[in-house]
Amino acid sequence: MEEILAEVKKYPCRNVVVTGGEPLLASGMEELTRKLKEGGHHVTVETAATIFKPVSCDLISMSPKLANSTPRRREGGRFAKMHEARRLNLPVIRKFIQGYDYQLKFVVERRQDFAEIETILGRLGRVERERVLIMPQGKTPKSLGKKAAWIVDLCKASGFRYCPRLHIDLYGNRRGT
């Protein structure tokens, strides 16, 4: 944790995003976020919202996994059943919504993903639609651009916000960005 805090101090920024993989799997996350807040930082925690920890943050950015994320082809679908069972934890999402400033960010592959998002929102109860961000699935600026127009149209019709994958435009599809 001290390494992370020292690294943050190297930069003249107030905003810190704690992300991962899944950062809430790491031990000491509650203490890390508390120390970042005590240091005067605006802290955003990005999570799949399958695990709850009482973190100190200004924004909890939840990215619940849609069915399009299930790895049916990877290693012959070996992980598909486990992923399906664990990808969505509505009680955890509700707990974050009740206790934190939040946003819900969904990664969309196809038009029918919007129907799944509506089902999830219906099961969650009262979710402010402007807190729902939609991000296209894709690995290249070209593939993302092909989806952007229809996703933006569906966002406008649904009252959701469109969220580009700026990191792919800037750095490509690589880890650490």
Protein backbone atom coordinates (compact mmCIF):
# COMPACT_ATOMS: atom_id res chain seq x y z
CA MET A 1 0.00 0.00 0.00
CA GLU A 2 2.81 2.43 0.81
CA GLU A 3 4.18 1.92 -2.73
CA ILE A 4 0.84 2.94 -4.20
CA LEU A 5 0.54 6.02 -1.99
CA ALA A 6 4.12 7.03 -2.88
CA GLU A 7 3.36 6.60 -6.59
CA VAL A 8 0.24 8.78 -6.32
CA LYS A 9 2.28 11.53 -4.64
CA LYS A 10 4.50 11.74 -7.73
CA TYR A 11 1.68 13.29 -9.76
CA PRO A 12 0.09 16.74 -9.37
CA CYS A 13 -3.45 15.42 -9.52
CA ARG A 14 -6.37 15.36 -7.14
CA ASN A 15 -8.35 12.56 -8.83
CA VAL A 16 -7.41 8.95 -8.21
CA VAL A 17 -9.12 5.95 -9.79
CA VAL A 18 -8.71 2.62 -8.03
CA THR A 19 -9.21 -0.07 -10.63
CA GLY A 20 -7.94 -3.53 -11.45
CA GLY A 21 -8.90 -6.41 -12.51
CA GLU A 22 -11.20 -6.35 -9.56
CA PRO A 23 -9.67 -4.07 -6.91
CA LEU A 24 -12.04 -5.21 -4.16
CA LEU A 25 -10.39 -8.64 -4.22
CA ALA A 26 -7.24 -7.05 -2.79
CA SER A 27 -6.72 -6.95 0.94
CA GLY A 28 -6.29 -3.53 2.52
CA MET A 29 -8.55 -1.73 0.05
CA GLU A 30 -10.53 -0.08 2.84
CA GLU A 31 -7.34 1.36 4.35
CA LEU A 32 -5.91 2.42 0.97
CA THR A 33 -9.03 4.33 -0.01
CA ARG A 34 -9.26 5.91 3.44
CA LYS A 35 -5.65 7.13 3.21
CA LEU A 36 -6.21 8.50 -0.29
CA LYS A 37 -9.28 10.42 0.95
CA GLU A 38 -7.34 11.69 3.98
CA GLY A 39 -4.67 12.88 1.54
CA GLY A 40 -7.25 15.14 -0.11
CA HIS A 41 -7.90 13.03 -3.19
CA HIS A 42 -11.17 12.58 -5.05
CA VAL A 43 -11.37 8.77 -5.13
CA THR A 44 -13.27 6.68 -7.67
CA VAL A 45 -13.39 2.93 -7.20
CA GLU A 46 -14.10 0.88 -10.34
CA THR A 47 -15.60 -2.51 -9.60
CA ALA A 48 -17.68 -5.26 -11.19
CA ALA A 49 -19.80 -4.98 -8.01
CA THR A 50 -19.74 -8.66 -7.15
CA ILE A 51 -17.98 -8.02 -3.82
CA PHE A 52 -18.84 -5.42 -1.20
CA LYS A 53 -16.23 -3.69 0.93
CA PRO A 54 -16.85 -0.44 2.82
CA VAL A 55 -14.39 1.69 0.87
CA SER A 56 -13.88 5.44 1.25
CA CYS A 57 -14.63 7.04 -2.08
CA ASP A 58 -16.38 9.90 -3.81
CA LEU A 59 -17.75 7.69 -6.59
CA ILE A 60 -18.31 3.96 -6.91
CA SER A 61 -18.20 3.10 -10.61
CA MET A 62 -19.86 -0.27 -11.04
CA SER A 63 -19.55 -2.30 -14.23
CA PRO A 64 -21.91 -5.25 -13.84
CA LYS A 65 -21.19 -7.90 -16.44
CA LEU A 66 -23.81 -8.60 -19.08
CA ALA A 67 -24.39 -12.02 -20.64
CA ASN A 68 -22.19 -10.92 -23.55
CA SER A 69 -19.18 -11.22 -21.20
CA THR A 70 -19.58 -14.96 -20.60
CA PRO A 71 -16.49 -16.74 -21.99
CA ARG A 72 -18.32 -19.45 -23.90
CA ARG A 73 -15.52 -19.91 -26.47
CA ARG A 74 -12.49 -19.55 -24.22
CA GLU A 75 -10.97 -22.93 -23.39
CA GLY A 76 -14.02 -24.73 -24.70
CA GLY A 77 -16.36 -22.79 -22.40
CA ARG A 78 -14.67 -24.20 -19.31
CA PHE A 79 -15.33 -21.05 -17.26
CA ALA A 80 -18.74 -20.15 -18.69
CA LYS A 81 -20.88 -21.78 -16.00
CA MET A 82 -18.90 -20.26 -13.13
CA HIS A 83 -18.87 -16.83 -14.78
CA GLU A 84 -22.64 -16.92 -15.36
CA ALA A 85 -23.25 -17.82 -11.71
CA ARG A 86 -21.06 -14.97 -10.40
CA ARG A 87 -21.24 -12.14 -12.94
CA LEU A 88 -24.19 -10.32 -11.37
CA ASN A 89 -24.69 -9.70 -7.64
CA LEU A 90 -27.77 -7.52 -7.23
CA PRO A 91 -27.59 -7.30 -3.40
CA VAL A 92 -24.04 -5.90 -3.65
CA ILE A 93 -25.07 -3.41 -6.33
CA ARG A 94 -28.02 -2.27 -4.20
CA LYS A 95 -25.76 -1.83 -1.16
CA PHE A 96 -23.40 0.38 -3.15
CA ILE A 97 -26.33 2.37 -4.59
CA GLN A 98 -27.76 2.95 -1.11
CA GLY A 99 -24.50 4.05 0.48
CA TYR A 100 -22.44 5.79 -2.19
CA ASP A 101 -22.53 8.27 -5.03
CA TYR A 102 -22.54 5.83 -7.93
CA GLN A 103 -22.66 5.15 -11.62
CA LEU A 104 -23.48 1.94 -13.48
CA LYS A 105 -21.37 1.28 -16.58
CA PHE A 106 -22.40 -1.48 -18.98
CA VAL A 107 -20.29 -2.78 -21.87
CA VAL A 108 -22.53 -3.32 -24.90
CA GLU A 109 -21.81 -5.72 -27.76
CA ARG A 110 -25.17 -5.88 -29.52
CA ARG A 111 -28.54 -4.12 -29.55
CA GLN A 112 -30.25 -6.80 -27.44
CA ASP A 113 -27.88 -5.93 -24.57
CA PHE A 114 -30.11 -2.90 -23.95
CA ALA A 115 -33.01 -5.24 -23.09
CA GLU A 116 -30.81 -7.03 -20.55
CA ILE A 117 -29.78 -3.68 -19.04
CA GLU A 118 -33.45 -2.72 -18.67
CA THR A 119 -34.14 -6.05 -16.94
CA ILE A 120 -31.26 -5.50 -14.51
CA LEU A 121 -32.39 -1.93 -13.77
CA GLY A 122 -35.93 -3.19 -13.17
CA ARG A 123 -34.64 -5.76 -10.70
CA LEU A 124 -32.54 -3.15 -8.90
CA GLY A 125 -35.44 -0.78 -8.35
CA ARG A 126 -34.96 2.97 -8.44
CA VAL A 127 -31.88 3.78 -10.50
CA GLU A 128 -31.49 7.24 -11.95
CA ARG A 129 -31.13 6.75 -15.70
CA GLU A 130 -28.52 9.50 -16.05
CA ARG A 131 -26.28 7.40 -13.80
CA VAL A 132 -26.23 4.62 -16.41
CA LEU A 133 -23.27 4.76 -18.80
CA ILE A 134 -23.05 2.64 -21.92
CA MET A 135 -19.65 1.72 -23.33
CA PRO A 136 -19.18 -0.18 -26.60
CA GLN A 137 -17.32 -3.49 -26.64
CA GLY A 138 -14.36 -3.40 -28.99
CA LYS A 139 -10.61 -3.58 -29.28
CA THR A 140 -9.85 -1.06 -32.03
CA PRO A 141 -10.96 2.50 -32.77
CA LYS A 142 -12.47 1.23 -36.04
CA SER A 143 -14.61 -1.48 -34.37
CA LEU A 144 -15.72 0.98 -31.68
CA GLY A 145 -16.61 3.59 -34.30
CA LYS A 146 -18.88 1.12 -36.12
CA LYS A 147 -20.93 0.64 -32.96
CA ALA A 148 -20.93 4.22 -31.71
CA ALA A 149 -23.78 5.58 -33.88
CA TRP A 150 -26.40 2.97 -32.99
CA ILE A 151 -25.32 2.90 -29.34
CA VAL A 152 -25.58 6.69 -29.08
CA ASP A 153 -29.06 6.57 -30.64
CA LEU A 154 -30.18 3.91 -28.14
CA CYS A 155 -28.63 5.89 -25.27
CA LYS A 156 -30.58 8.98 -26.27
CA ALA A 157 -33.81 6.99 -26.53
CA SER A 158 -33.17 5.33 -23.14
CA GLY A 159 -31.94 8.33 -21.18
CA PHE A 160 -28.50 6.74 -20.68
CA ARG A 161 -25.09 8.34 -21.14
CA TYR A 162 -22.63 7.21 -23.80
CA CYS A 163 -19.11 6.48 -22.59
CA PRO A 164 -16.32 6.11 -25.18
CA ARG A 165 -13.30 3.85 -24.70
CA LEU A 166 -10.79 6.69 -24.74
CA HIS A 167 -7.96 4.46 -23.53
CA ILE A 168 -8.20 2.43 -26.77
CA ASP A 169 -8.10 5.58 -28.89
CA LEU A 170 -5.04 6.81 -27.00
CA TYR A 171 -3.07 3.64 -26.27
CA GLY A 172 -4.64 0.75 -28.18
CA ASN A 173 -5.88 -2.44 -26.60
CA ARG A 174 -3.16 -3.17 -24.06
CA ARG A 175 -2.86 -3.75 -20.35
CA GLY A 176 -1.87 -0.96 -18.01
CA THR A 177 -3.78 1.85 -19.69
